[in-house]
Amino acid sequence: PHIGNLQIAAIQADDVQKMLNTLKAEGKFYSTIKKAYDAVNECFRT
């Protein structure tokens, strides 16, 4: 919902930061936000 509309090569750190900030503002738990970050990080690491 936050960065899925972007081409993978076009995703910037600001996009990921905005996703994390929005999830926190929506009241998501720490573990939920961390899992989202870990998924993005692992995708790009691969």
PDB file of all heavy atoms in Angstrom:
ATOM      1  N   PRO A   1       0.798  -1.227   0.000  1.00  0.00           N
ATOM      2  CA  PRO A   1       0.000   0.000   0.000  1.00  0.00           C
ATOM      3  C   PRO A   1       0.838   1.289   0.000  1.00  0.00           C
ATOM      4  O   PRO A   1       0.356   2.339  -0.414  1.00  0.00           O
ATOM      5  CB  PRO A   1      -0.819  -0.100   1.292  1.00  0.00           C
ATOM      6  CG  PRO A   1      -0.894  -1.555   1.578  1.00  0.00           C
ATOM      7  CD  PRO A   1       0.422  -2.111   1.109  1.00  0.00           C
ATOM      8  N   HIS A   2       2.085   1.201   0.444  1.00  0.00           N
ATOM      9  CA  HIS A   2       2.906   2.407   0.569  1.00  0.00           C
ATOM     10  C   HIS A   2       3.938   2.576  -0.555  1.00  0.00           C
ATOM     11  O   HIS A   2       4.181   3.692  -0.991  1.00  0.00           O
ATOM     12  CB  HIS A   2       3.597   2.425   1.932  1.00  0.00           C
ATOM     13  CG  HIS A   2       2.610   2.449   3.059  1.00  0.00           C
ATOM     14  ND1 HIS A   2       1.932   3.582   3.417  1.00  0.00           N
ATOM     15  CD2 HIS A   2       2.160   1.465   3.863  1.00  0.00           C
ATOM     16  CE1 HIS A   2       1.117   3.303   4.416  1.00  0.00           C
ATOM     17  NE2 HIS A   2       1.223   2.023   4.702  1.00  0.00           N
ATOM     18  N   ILE A   3       4.564   1.482  -0.979  1.00  0.00           N
ATOM     19  CA  ILE A   3       5.577   1.603  -2.033  1.00  0.00           C
ATOM     20  C   ILE A   3       5.370   0.615  -3.171  1.00  0.00           C
ATOM     21  O   ILE A   3       6.196   0.531  -4.071  1.00  0.00           O
ATOM     22  CB  ILE A   3       7.018   1.471  -1.462  1.00  0.00           C
ATOM     23  CG1 ILE A   3       7.227   0.106  -0.799  1.00  0.00           C
ATOM     24  CG2 ILE A   3       7.345   2.607  -0.530  1.00  0.00           C
ATOM     25  CD1 ILE A   3       8.668  -0.145  -0.360  1.00  0.00           C
ATOM     26  N   GLY A   4       4.261  -0.100  -3.146  1.00  0.00           N
ATOM     27  CA  GLY A   4       3.995  -1.105  -4.174  1.00  0.00           C
ATOM     28  C   GLY A   4       3.723  -0.553  -5.553  1.00  0.00           C
ATOM     29  O   GLY A   4       3.831  -1.264  -6.543  1.00  0.00           O
ATOM     30  N   ASN A   5       3.393   0.734  -5.632  1.00  0.00           N
ATOM     31  CA  ASN A   5       3.119   1.335  -6.935  1.00  0.00           C
ATOM     32  C   ASN A   5       4.392   1.844  -7.624  1.00  0.00           C
ATOM     33  O   ASN A   5       4.352   2.281  -8.758  1.00  0.00           O
ATOM     34  CB  ASN A   5       2.130   2.495  -6.785  1.00  0.00           C
ATOM     35  CG  ASN A   5       2.679   3.600  -5.896  1.00  0.00           C
ATOM     36  OD1 ASN A   5       3.410   3.334  -4.943  1.00  0.00           O
ATOM     37  ND2 ASN A   5       2.316   4.825  -6.193  1.00  0.00           N
ATOM     38  N   LEU A   6       5.522   1.769  -6.930  1.00  0.00           N
ATOM     39  CA  LEU A   6       6.790   2.269  -7.473  1.00  0.00           C
ATOM     40  C   LEU A   6       7.579   1.145  -8.135  1.00  0.00           C
ATOM     41  O   LEU A   6       7.545  -0.005  -7.669  1.00  0.00           O
ATOM     42  CB  LEU A   6       7.641   2.884  -6.357  1.00  0.00           C
ATOM     43  CG  LEU A   6       7.012   4.030  -5.569  1.00  0.00           C
ATOM     44  CD1 LEU A   6       7.881   4.390  -4.369  1.00  0.00           C
ATOM     45  CD2 LEU A   6       6.803   5.234  -6.469  1.00  0.00           C
ATOM     46  N   GLN A   7       8.300   1.473  -9.192  1.00  0.00           N
ATOM     47  CA  GLN A   7       9.226   0.515  -9.793  1.00  0.00           C
ATOM     48  C   GLN A   7      10.332   0.238  -8.769  1.00  0.00           C
ATOM     49  O   GLN A   7      10.773   1.145  -8.071  1.00  0.00           O
ATOM     50  CB  GLN A   7       9.844   1.093 -11.073  1.00  0.00           C
ATOM     51  CG  GLN A   7       8.873   1.232 -12.213  1.00  0.00           C
ATOM     52  CD  GLN A   7       8.483  -0.124 -12.784  1.00  0.00           C
ATOM     53  OE1 GLN A   7       9.231  -1.093 -12.702  1.00  0.00           O
ATOM     54  NE2 GLN A   7       7.302  -0.186 -13.364  1.00  0.00           N
ATOM     55  N   ILE A   8      10.770  -0.982  -8.676  1.00  0.00           N
ATOM     56  CA  ILE A   8      11.764  -1.364  -7.664  1.00  0.00           C
ATOM     57  C   ILE A   8      13.028  -0.507  -7.775  1.00  0.00           C
ATOM     58  O   ILE A   8      13.595  -0.089  -6.773  1.00  0.00           O
ATOM     59  CB  ILE A   8      12.072  -2.884  -7.726  1.00  0.00           C
ATOM     60  CG1 ILE A   8      12.745  -3.353  -6.442  1.00  0.00           C
ATOM     61  CG2 ILE A   8      12.901  -3.251  -8.912  1.00  0.00           C
ATOM     62  CD1 ILE A   8      11.798  -3.762  -5.383  1.00  0.00           C
ATOM     63  N   ALA A   9      13.457  -0.214  -8.979  1.00  0.00           N
ATOM     64  CA  ALA A   9      14.673   0.582  -9.170  1.00  0.00           C
ATOM     65  C   ALA A   9      14.463   2.051  -8.812  1.00  0.00           C
ATOM     66  O   ALA A   9      15.431   2.774  -8.573  1.00  0.00           O
ATOM     67  CB  ALA A   9      15.158   0.469 -10.614  1.00  0.00           C
ATOM     68  N   ALA A  10      13.218   2.488  -8.731  1.00  0.00           N
ATOM     69  CA  ALA A  10      12.929   3.888  -8.432  1.00  0.00           C
ATOM     70  C   ALA A  10      12.746   4.150  -6.937  1.00  0.00           C
ATOM     71  O   ALA A  10      12.672   5.297  -6.513  1.00  0.00           O
ATOM     72  CB  ALA A  10      11.680   4.327  -9.189  1.00  0.00           C
ATOM     73  N   ILE A  11      12.677   3.108  -6.133  1.00  0.00           N
ATOM     74  CA  ILE A  11      12.445   3.289  -4.692  1.00  0.00           C
ATOM     75  C   ILE A  11      13.687   3.901  -4.049  1.00  0.00           C
ATOM     76  O   ILE A  11      14.803   3.410  -4.225  1.00  0.00           O
ATOM     77  CB  ILE A  11      12.073   1.947  -4.024  1.00  0.00           C
ATOM     78  CG1 ILE A  11      10.742   1.440  -4.594  1.00  0.00           C
ATOM     79  CG2 ILE A  11      11.988   2.106  -2.507  1.00  0.00           C
ATOM     80  CD1 ILE A  11      10.331   0.074  -4.105  1.00  0.00           C
ATOM     81  N   GLN A  12      13.461   4.972  -3.317  1.00  0.00           N
ATOM     82  CA  GLN A  12      14.529   5.702  -2.632  1.00  0.00           C
ATOM     83  C   GLN A  12      14.380   5.535  -1.128  1.00  0.00           C
ATOM     84  O   GLN A  12      13.325   5.128  -0.634  1.00  0.00           O
ATOM     85  CB  GLN A  12      14.450   7.198  -2.989  1.00  0.00           C
ATOM     86  CG  GLN A  12      14.586   7.491  -4.468  1.00  0.00           C
ATOM     87  CD  GLN A  12      15.989   7.183  -4.963  1.00  0.00           C
ATOM     88  OE1 GLN A  12      16.969   7.526  -4.330  1.00  0.00           O
ATOM     89  NE2 GLN A  12      16.074   6.505  -6.104  1.00  0.00           N
ATOM     90  N   ALA A  13      15.429   5.894  -0.398  1.00  0.00           N
ATOM     91  CA  ALA A  13      15.401   5.831   1.065  1.00  0.00           C
ATOM     92  C   ALA A  13      14.240   6.652   1.618  1.00  0.00           C
ATOM     93  O   ALA A  13      13.588   6.248   2.593  1.00  0.00           O
ATOM     94  CB  ALA A  13      16.731   6.296   1.641  1.00  0.00           C
ATOM     95  N   ASP A  14      13.949   7.793   0.994  1.00  0.00           N
ATOM     96  CA  ASP A  14      12.835   8.633   1.453  1.00  0.00           C
ATOM     97  C   ASP A  14      11.496   7.913   1.352  1.00  0.00           C
ATOM     98  O   ASP A  14      10.613   8.106   2.192  1.00  0.00           O
ATOM     99  CB  ASP A  14      12.784   9.941   0.662  1.00  0.00           C
ATOM    100  CG  ASP A  14      13.903  10.907   1.040  1.00  0.00           C
ATOM    101  OD1 ASP A  14      14.525  10.720   2.108  1.00  0.00           O
ATOM    102  OD2 ASP A  14      14.152  11.838   0.255  1.00  0.00           O
ATOM    103  N   ASP A  15      11.327   7.082   0.328  1.00  0.00           N
ATOM    104  CA  ASP A  15      10.089   6.315   0.168  1.00  0.00           C
ATOM    105  C   ASP A  15       9.935   5.297   1.294  1.00  0.00           C
ATOM    106  O   ASP A  15       8.848   5.127   1.853  1.00  0.00           O
ATOM    107  CB  ASP A  15      10.070   5.596  -1.184  1.00  0.00           C
ATOM    108  CG  ASP A  15      10.148   6.547  -2.361  1.00  0.00           C
ATOM    109  OD1 ASP A  15       9.448   7.578  -2.342  1.00  0.00           O
ATOM    110  OD2 ASP A  15      10.926   6.245  -3.293  1.00  0.00           O
ATOM    111  N   VAL A  16      11.022   4.616   1.605  1.00  0.00           N
ATOM    112  CA  VAL A  16      10.993   3.620   2.690  1.00  0.00           C
ATOM    113  C   VAL A  16      10.769   4.324   4.023  1.00  0.00           C
ATOM    114  O   VAL A  16       9.987   3.856   4.859  1.00  0.00           O
ATOM    115  CB  VAL A  16      12.298   2.786   2.707  1.00  0.00           C
ATOM    116  CG1 VAL A  16      12.275   1.778   3.843  1.00  0.00           C
ATOM    117  CG2 VAL A  16      12.497   2.077   1.368  1.00  0.00           C
ATOM    118  N   GLN A  17      11.429   5.465   4.231  1.00  0.00           N
ATOM    119  CA  GLN A  17      11.255   6.224   5.475  1.00  0.00           C
ATOM    120  C   GLN A  17       9.809   6.682   5.632  1.00  0.00           C
ATOM    121  O   GLN A  17       9.230   6.573   6.708  1.00  0.00           O
ATOM    122  CB  GLN A  17      12.186   7.437   5.501  1.00  0.00           C
ATOM    123  CG  GLN A  17      12.190   8.169   6.842  1.00  0.00           C
ATOM    124  CD  GLN A  17      12.862   7.341   7.922  1.00  0.00           C
ATOM    125  OE1 GLN A  17      14.049   7.057   7.840  1.00  0.00           O
ATOM    126  NE2 GLN A  17      12.104   6.956   8.939  1.00  0.00           N
ATOM    127  N   LYS A  18       9.225   7.170   4.545  1.00  0.00           N
ATOM    128  CA  LYS A  18       7.829   7.616   4.583  1.00  0.00           C
ATOM    129  C   LYS A  18       6.910   6.449   4.930  1.00  0.00           C
ATOM    130  O   LYS A  18       5.958   6.602   5.696  1.00  0.00           O
ATOM    131  CB  LYS A  18       7.438   8.238   3.244  1.00  0.00           C
ATOM    132  CG  LYS A  18       6.041   8.807   3.230  1.00  0.00           C
ATOM    133  CD  LYS A  18       5.717   9.446   1.896  1.00  0.00           C
ATOM    134  CE  LYS A  18       4.281   9.944   1.884  1.00  0.00           C
ATOM    135  NZ  LYS A  18       3.871  10.403   0.565  1.00  0.00           N
ATOM    136  N   MET A  19       7.194   5.270   4.374  1.00  0.00           N
ATOM    137  CA  MET A  19       6.395   4.084   4.675  1.00  0.00           C
ATOM    138  C   MET A  19       6.447   3.784   6.175  1.00  0.00           C
ATOM    139  O   MET A  19       5.416   3.591   6.817  1.00  0.00           O
ATOM    140  CB  MET A  19       6.905   2.871   3.888  1.00  0.00           C
ATOM    141  CG  MET A  19       6.195   1.570   4.228  1.00  0.00           C
ATOM    142  SD  MET A  19       6.949   0.102   3.488  1.00  0.00           S
ATOM    143  CE  MET A  19       8.377  -0.130   4.544  1.00  0.00           C
ATOM    144  N   LEU A  20       7.644   3.767   6.743  1.00  0.00           N
ATOM    145  CA  LEU A  20       7.800   3.469   8.165  1.00  0.00           C
ATOM    146  C   LEU A  20       7.106   4.517   9.029  1.00  0.00           C
ATOM    147  O   LEU A  20       6.418   4.188  10.010  1.00  0.00           O
ATOM    148  CB  LEU A  20       9.284   3.382   8.538  1.00  0.00           C
ATOM    149  CG  LEU A  20      10.098   2.295   7.829  1.00  0.00           C
ATOM    150  CD1 LEU A  20      11.553   2.367   8.264  1.00  0.00           C
ATOM    151  CD2 LEU A  20       9.527   0.918   8.066  1.00  0.00           C
ATOM    152  N   ASN A  21       7.279   5.788   8.678  1.00  0.00           N
ATOM    153  CA  ASN A  21       6.656   6.868   9.444  1.00  0.00           C
ATOM    154  C   ASN A  21       5.131   6.796   9.384  1.00  0.00           C
ATOM    155  O   ASN A  21       4.451   7.018  10.383  1.00  0.00           O
ATOM    156  CB  ASN A  21       7.136   8.231   8.938  1.00  0.00           C
ATOM    157  CG  ASN A  21       8.616   8.455   9.188  1.00  0.00           C
ATOM    158  OD1 ASN A  21       9.261   7.735   9.947  1.00  0.00           O
ATOM    159  ND2 ASN A  21       9.170   9.454   8.535  1.00  0.00           N
ATOM    160  N   THR A  22       4.614   6.471   8.206  1.00  0.00           N
ATOM    161  CA  THR A  22       3.162   6.359   8.040  1.00  0.00           C
ATOM    162  C   THR A  22       2.616   5.184   8.845  1.00  0.00           C
ATOM    163  O   THR A  22       1.577   5.309   9.499  1.00  0.00           O
ATOM    164  CB  THR A  22       2.799   6.209   6.546  1.00  0.00           C
ATOM    165  OG1 THR A  22       3.317   7.327   5.830  1.00  0.00           O
ATOM    166  CG2 THR A  22       1.295   6.122   6.348  1.00  0.00           C
ATOM    167  N   LEU A  23       3.306   4.060   8.803  1.00  0.00           N
ATOM    168  CA  LEU A  23       2.864   2.896   9.585  1.00  0.00           C
ATOM    169  C   LEU A  23       2.823   3.231  11.073  1.00  0.00           C
ATOM    170  O   LEU A  23       1.882   2.855  11.783  1.00  0.00           O
ATOM    171  CB  LEU A  23       3.777   1.697   9.329  1.00  0.00           C
ATOM    172  CG  LEU A  23       3.674   1.057   7.939  1.00  0.00           C
ATOM    173  CD1 LEU A  23       4.781   0.032   7.741  1.00  0.00           C
ATOM    174  CD2 LEU A  23       2.304   0.429   7.732  1.00  0.00           C
ATOM    175  N   LYS A  24       3.835   3.959  11.543  1.00  0.00           N
ATOM    176  CA  LYS A  24       3.858   4.352  12.956  1.00  0.00           C
ATOM    177  C   LYS A  24       2.714   5.315  13.254  1.00  0.00           C
ATOM    178  O   LYS A  24       2.032   5.181  14.273  1.00  0.00           O
ATOM    179  CB  LYS A  24       5.196   4.982  13.330  1.00  0.00           C
ATOM    180  CG  LYS A  24       5.305   5.246  14.823  1.00  0.00           C
ATOM    181  CD  LYS A  24       6.669   5.715  15.231  1.00  0.00           C
ATOM    182  CE  LYS A  24       6.689   5.886  16.752  1.00  0.00           C
ATOM    183  NZ  LYS A  24       7.918   6.500  17.212  1.00  0.00           N
ATOM    184  N   ALA A  25       2.472   6.285  12.366  1.00  0.00           N
ATOM    185  CA  ALA A  25       1.389   7.253  12.555  1.00  0.00           C
ATOM    186  C   ALA A  25       0.017   6.570  12.539  1.00  0.00           C
ATOM    187  O   ALA A  25      -0.925   7.040  13.187  1.00  0.00           O
ATOM    188  CB  ALA A  25       1.447   8.331  11.473  1.00  0.00           C
ATOM    189  N   GLU A  26      -0.087   5.461  11.814  1.00  0.00           N
ATOM    190  CA  GLU A  26      -1.341   4.695  11.769  1.00  0.00           C
ATOM    191  C   GLU A  26      -1.563   3.887  13.035  1.00  0.00           C
ATOM    192  O   GLU A  26      -2.593   3.241  13.195  1.00  0.00           O
ATOM    193  CB  GLU A  26      -1.342   3.754  10.558  1.00  0.00           C
ATOM    194  CG  GLU A  26      -1.464   4.449   9.228  1.00  0.00           C
ATOM    195  CD  GLU A  26      -1.275   3.500   8.044  1.00  0.00           C
ATOM    196  OE1 GLU A  26      -0.890   2.316   8.260  1.00  0.00           O
ATOM    197  OE2 GLU A  26      -1.509   3.934   6.904  1.00  0.00           O
ATOM    198  N   GLY A  27      -0.576   3.886  13.932  1.00  0.00           N
ATOM    199  CA  GLY A  27      -0.720   3.162  15.191  1.00  0.00           C
ATOM    200  C   GLY A  27      -0.303   1.707  15.142  1.00  0.00           C
ATOM    201  O   GLY A  27      -0.657   0.926  16.014  1.00  0.00           O
ATOM    202  N   LYS A  28       0.464   1.330  14.126  1.00  0.00           N
ATOM    203  CA  LYS A  28       0.938  -0.050  14.030  1.00  0.00           C
ATOM    204  C   LYS A  28       1.938  -0.333  15.154  1.00  0.00           C
ATOM    205  O   LYS A  28       2.628   0.563  15.633  1.00  0.00           O
ATOM    206  CB  LYS A  28       1.612  -0.309  12.679  1.00  0.00           C
ATOM    207  CG  LYS A  28       0.732  -0.054  11.484  1.00  0.00           C
ATOM    208  CD  LYS A  28      -0.396  -1.037  11.403  1.00  0.00           C
ATOM    209  CE  LYS A  28      -1.118  -0.901  10.081  1.00  0.00           C
ATOM    210  NZ  LYS A  28      -2.522  -0.916  10.190  1.00  0.00           N
ATOM    211  N   PHE A  29       2.012  -1.574  15.558  1.00  0.00           N
ATOM    212  CA  PHE A  29       2.960  -1.994  16.583  1.00  0.00           C
ATOM    213  C   PHE A  29       4.383  -1.974  16.039  1.00  0.00           C
ATOM    214  O   PHE A  29       4.602  -2.080  14.828  1.00  0.00           O
ATOM    215  CB  PHE A  29       2.635  -3.418  17.069  1.00  0.00           C
ATOM    216  CG  PHE A  29       1.415  -3.494  17.942  1.00  0.00           C
ATOM    217  CD1 PHE A  29       0.217  -3.947  17.427  1.00  0.00           C
ATOM    218  CD2 PHE A  29       1.468  -3.116  19.264  1.00  0.00           C
ATOM    219  CE1 PHE A  29      -0.909  -4.030  18.224  1.00  0.00           C
ATOM    220  CE2 PHE A  29       0.353  -3.198  20.075  1.00  0.00           C
ATOM    221  CZ  PHE A  29      -0.841  -3.650  19.555  1.00  0.00           C
ATOM    222  N   TYR A  30       5.337  -1.887  16.951  1.00  0.00           N
ATOM    223  CA  TYR A  30       6.750  -1.903  16.582  1.00  0.00           C
ATOM    224  C   TYR A  30       7.077  -3.132  15.743  1.00  0.00           C
ATOM    225  O   TYR A  30       7.742  -3.037  14.711  1.00  0.00           O
ATOM    226  CB  TYR A  30       7.632  -1.870  17.834  1.00  0.00           C
ATOM    227  CG  TYR A  30       9.072  -2.200  17.543  1.00  0.00           C
ATOM    228  CD1 TYR A  30       9.920  -1.248  16.976  1.00  0.00           C
ATOM    229  CD2 TYR A  30       9.585  -3.471  17.806  1.00  0.00           C
ATOM    230  CE1 TYR A  30      11.234  -1.546  16.686  1.00  0.00           C
ATOM    231  CE2 TYR A  30      10.904  -3.775  17.522  1.00  0.00           C
ATOM    232  CZ  TYR A  30      11.718  -2.815  16.959  1.00  0.00           C
ATOM    233  OH  TYR A  30      13.021  -3.120  16.656  1.00  0.00           O
ATOM    234  N   SER A  31       6.600  -4.299  16.168  1.00  0.00           N
ATOM    235  CA  SER A  31       6.932  -5.542  15.461  1.00  0.00           C
ATOM    236  C   SER A  31       6.404  -5.531  14.030  1.00  0.00           C
ATOM    237  O   SER A  31       7.054  -6.055  13.120  1.00  0.00           O
ATOM    238  CB  SER A  31       6.395  -6.759  16.220  1.00  0.00           C
ATOM    239  OG  SER A  31       4.994  -6.690  16.338  1.00  0.00           O
ATOM    240  N   THR A  32       5.257  -4.935  13.805  1.00  0.00           N
ATOM    241  CA  THR A  32       4.683  -4.840  12.461  1.00  0.00           C
ATOM    242  C   THR A  32       5.561  -3.973  11.571  1.00  0.00           C
ATOM    243  O   THR A  32       5.855  -4.330  10.418  1.00  0.00           O
ATOM    244  CB  THR A  32       3.260  -4.254  12.540  1.00  0.00           C
ATOM    245  OG1 THR A  32       2.464  -5.112  13.359  1.00  0.00           O
ATOM    246  CG2 THR A  32       2.632  -4.120  11.158  1.00  0.00           C
ATOM    247  N   ILE A  33       5.992  -2.841  12.097  1.00  0.00           N
ATOM    248  CA  ILE A  33       6.839  -1.918  11.335  1.00  0.00           C
ATOM    249  C   ILE A  33       8.192  -2.552  11.055  1.00  0.00           C
ATOM    250  O   ILE A  33       8.720  -2.466   9.945  1.00  0.00           O
ATOM    251  CB  ILE A  33       6.985  -0.584  12.094  1.00  0.00           C
ATOM    252  CG1 ILE A  33       5.615   0.093  12.185  1.00  0.00           C
ATOM    253  CG2 ILE A  33       8.011   0.332  11.416  1.00  0.00           C
ATOM    254  CD1 ILE A  33       5.564   1.277  13.118  1.00  0.00           C
ATOM    255  N   LYS A  34       8.749  -3.230  12.035  1.00  0.00           N
ATOM    256  CA  LYS A  34      10.055  -3.881  11.872  1.00  0.00           C
ATOM    257  C   LYS A  34       9.978  -4.976  10.808  1.00  0.00           C
ATOM    258  O   LYS A  34      10.889  -5.127   9.987  1.00  0.00           O
ATOM    259  CB  LYS A  34      10.515  -4.461  13.211  1.00  0.00           C
ATOM    260  CG  LYS A  34      11.854  -5.142  13.181  1.00  0.00           C
ATOM    261  CD  LYS A  34      12.987  -4.130  13.178  1.00  0.00           C
ATOM    262  CE  LYS A  34      14.326  -4.755  13.469  1.00  0.00           C
ATOM    263  NZ  LYS A  34      14.931  -5.415  12.334  1.00  0.00           N
ATOM    264  N   LYS A  35       8.888  -5.738  10.787  1.00  0.00           N
ATOM    265  CA  LYS A  35       8.725  -6.782   9.769  1.00  0.00           C
ATOM    266  C   LYS A  35       8.629  -6.189   8.372  1.00  0.00           C
ATOM    267  O   LYS A  35       9.168  -6.743   7.416  1.00  0.00           O
ATOM    268  CB  LYS A  35       7.498  -7.640  10.077  1.00  0.00           C
ATOM    269  CG  LYS A  35       7.720  -8.586  11.234  1.00  0.00           C
ATOM    270  CD  LYS A  35       6.453  -9.307  11.617  1.00  0.00           C
ATOM    271  CE  LYS A  35       6.679 -10.092  12.888  1.00  0.00           C
ATOM    272  NZ  LYS A  35       5.448 -10.457  13.562  1.00  0.00           N
ATOM    273  N   ALA A  36       7.945  -5.054   8.242  1.00  0.00           N
ATOM    274  CA  ALA A  36       7.845  -4.392   6.941  1.00  0.00           C
ATOM    275  C   ALA A  36       9.218  -3.915   6.491  1.00  0.00           C
ATOM    276  O   ALA A  36       9.611  -4.105   5.333  1.00  0.00           O
ATOM    277  CB  ALA A  36       6.861  -3.222   7.010  1.00  0.00           C
ATOM    278  N   TYR A  37       9.956  -3.306   7.407  1.00  0.00           N
ATOM    279  CA  TYR A  37      11.319  -2.853   7.082  1.00  0.00           C
ATOM    280  C   TYR A  37      12.200  -4.043   6.691  1.00  0.00           C
ATOM    281  O   TYR A  37      12.926  -3.993   5.695  1.00  0.00           O
ATOM    282  CB  TYR A  37      11.946  -2.109   8.267  1.00  0.00           C
ATOM    283  CG  TYR A  37      13.413  -1.875   8.072  1.00  0.00           C
ATOM    284  CD1 TYR A  37      13.866  -0.839   7.255  1.00  0.00           C
ATOM    285  CD2 TYR A  37      14.359  -2.720   8.661  1.00  0.00           C
ATOM    286  CE1 TYR A  37      15.221  -0.640   7.042  1.00  0.00           C
ATOM    287  CE2 TYR A  37      15.706  -2.529   8.452  1.00  0.00           C
ATOM    288  CZ  TYR A  37      16.134  -1.485   7.648  1.00  0.00           C
ATOM    289  OH  TYR A  37      17.466  -1.307   7.418  1.00  0.00           O
ATOM    290  N   ASP A  38      12.140  -5.107   7.475  1.00  0.00           N
ATOM    291  CA  ASP A  38      12.968  -6.288   7.200  1.00  0.00           C
ATOM    292  C   ASP A  38      12.661  -6.875   5.827  1.00  0.00           C
ATOM    293  O   ASP A  38      13.572  -7.327   5.124  1.00  0.00           O
ATOM    294  CB  ASP A  38      12.772  -7.350   8.285  1.00  0.00           C
ATOM    295  CG  ASP A  38      13.388  -6.962   9.625  1.00  0.00           C
ATOM    296  OD1 ASP A  38      14.216  -6.018   9.662  1.00  0.00           O
ATOM    297  OD2 ASP A  38      13.030  -7.593  10.641  1.00  0.00           O
ATOM    298  N   ALA A  39      11.378  -6.888   5.444  1.00  0.00           N
ATOM    299  CA  ALA A  39      10.998  -7.424   4.133  1.00  0.00           C
ATOM    300  C   ALA A  39      11.599  -6.587   3.016  1.00  0.00           C
ATOM    301  O   ALA A  39      12.178  -7.127   2.061  1.00  0.00           O
ATOM    302  CB  ALA A  39       9.473  -7.472   4.005  1.00  0.00           C
ATOM    303  N   VAL A  40      11.496  -5.265   3.121  1.00  0.00           N
ATOM    304  CA  VAL A  40      12.056  -4.379   2.097  1.00  0.00           C
ATOM    305  C   VAL A  40      13.575  -4.514   2.052  1.00  0.00           C
ATOM    306  O   VAL A  40      14.180  -4.645   0.982  1.00  0.00           O
ATOM    307  CB  VAL A  40      11.644  -2.909   2.350  1.00  0.00           C
ATOM    308  CG1 VAL A  40      12.374  -1.959   1.416  1.00  0.00           C
ATOM    309  CG2 VAL A  40      10.130  -2.760   2.197  1.00  0.00           C
ATOM    310  N   ASN A  41      14.194  -4.514   3.222  1.00  0.00           N
ATOM    311  CA  ASN A  41      15.651  -4.630   3.304  1.00  0.00           C
ATOM    312  C   ASN A  41      16.142  -5.934   2.680  1.00  0.00           C
ATOM    313  O   ASN A  41      17.091  -5.947   1.894  1.00  0.00           O
ATOM    314  CB  ASN A  41      16.093  -4.534   4.768  1.00  0.00           C
ATOM    315  CG  ASN A  41      17.591  -4.526   4.933  1.00  0.00           C
ATOM    316  OD1 ASN A  41      18.334  -4.029   4.090  1.00  0.00           O
ATOM    317  ND2 ASN A  41      18.051  -5.092   6.029  1.00  0.00           N
ATOM    318  N   GLU A  42      15.474  -7.023   3.002  1.00  0.00           N
ATOM    319  CA  GLU A  42      15.905  -8.317   2.471  1.00  0.00           C
ATOM    320  C   GLU A  42      15.683  -8.420   0.965  1.00  0.00           C
ATOM    321  O   GLU A  42      16.489  -9.004   0.248  1.00  0.00           O
ATOM    322  CB  GLU A  42      15.195  -9.455   3.191  1.00  0.00           C
ATOM    323  CG  GLU A  42      15.792 -10.792   2.855  1.00  0.00           C
ATOM    324  CD  GLU A  42      15.272 -11.909   3.725  1.00  0.00           C
ATOM    325  OE1 GLU A  42      14.638 -11.650   4.756  1.00  0.00           O
ATOM    326  OE2 GLU A  42      15.509 -13.070   3.342  1.00  0.00           O
ATOM    327  N   CYS A  43      14.595  -7.846   0.485  1.00  0.00           N
ATOM    328  CA  CYS A  43      14.337  -7.836  -0.953  1.00  0.00           C
ATOM    329  C   CYS A  43      15.469  -7.125  -1.690  1.00  0.00           C
ATOM    330  O   CYS A  43      16.004  -7.635  -2.676  1.00  0.00           O
ATOM    331  CB  CYS A  43      13.003  -7.151  -1.236  1.00  0.00           C
ATOM    332  SG  CYS A  43      12.640  -6.948  -2.992  1.00  0.00           S
ATOM    333  N   PHE A  44      15.865  -5.963  -1.214  1.00  0.00           N
ATOM    334  CA  PHE A  44      16.936  -5.211  -1.868  1.00  0.00           C
ATOM    335  C   PHE A  44      18.302  -5.868  -1.659  1.00  0.00           C
ATOM    336  O   PHE A  44      19.145  -5.841  -2.549  1.00  0.00           O
ATOM    337  CB  PHE A  44      16.950  -3.759  -1.384  1.00  0.00           C
ATOM    338  CG  PHE A  44      15.970  -2.906  -2.115  1.00  0.00           C
ATOM    339  CD1 PHE A  44      14.717  -2.649  -1.577  1.00  0.00           C
ATOM    340  CD2 PHE A  44      16.271  -2.384  -3.363  1.00  0.00           C
ATOM    341  CE1 PHE A  44      13.796  -1.877  -2.262  1.00  0.00           C
ATOM    342  CE2 PHE A  44      15.367  -1.611  -4.063  1.00  0.00           C
ATOM    343  CZ  PHE A  44      14.117  -1.360  -3.506  1.00  0.00           C
ATOM    344  N   ARG A  45      18.502  -6.468  -0.497  1.00  0.00           N
ATOM    345  CA  ARG A  45      19.775  -7.169  -0.260  1.00  0.00           C
ATOM    346  C   ARG A  45      19.926  -8.321  -1.250  1.00  0.00           C
ATOM    347  O   ARG A  45      20.992  -8.506  -1.845  1.00  0.00           O
ATOM    348  CB  ARG A  45      19.814  -7.679   1.186  1.00  0.00           C
ATOM    349  CG  ARG A  45      21.181  -8.099   1.655  1.00  0.00           C
ATOM    350  CD  ARG A  45      21.231  -8.343   3.149  1.00  0.00           C
ATOM    351  NE  ARG A  45      20.144  -9.146   3.677  1.00  0.00           N
ATOM    352  CZ  ARG A  45      20.122 -10.476   3.664  1.00  0.00           C
ATOM    353  NH1 ARG A  45      21.110 -11.159   3.145  1.00  0.00           N
ATOM    354  NH2 ARG A  45      19.098 -11.127   4.173  1.00  0.00           N
ATOM    355  N   THR A  46      18.858  -9.054  -1.459  1.00  0.00           N
ATOM    356  CA  THR A  46      18.879 -10.141  -2.438  1.00  0.00           C
ATOM    357  C   THR A  46      19.113  -9.586  -3.839  1.00  0.00           C
ATOM    358  O   THR A  46      19.884 -10.151  -4.624  1.00  0.00           O
ATOM    359  CB  THR A  46      17.559 -10.935  -2.399  1.00  0.00           C
ATOM    360  OG1 THR A  46      17.361 -11.436  -1.081  1.00  0.00           O
ATOM    361  CG2 THR A  46      17.572 -12.077  -3.392  1.00  0.00           C
TER     362      THR A  46
END
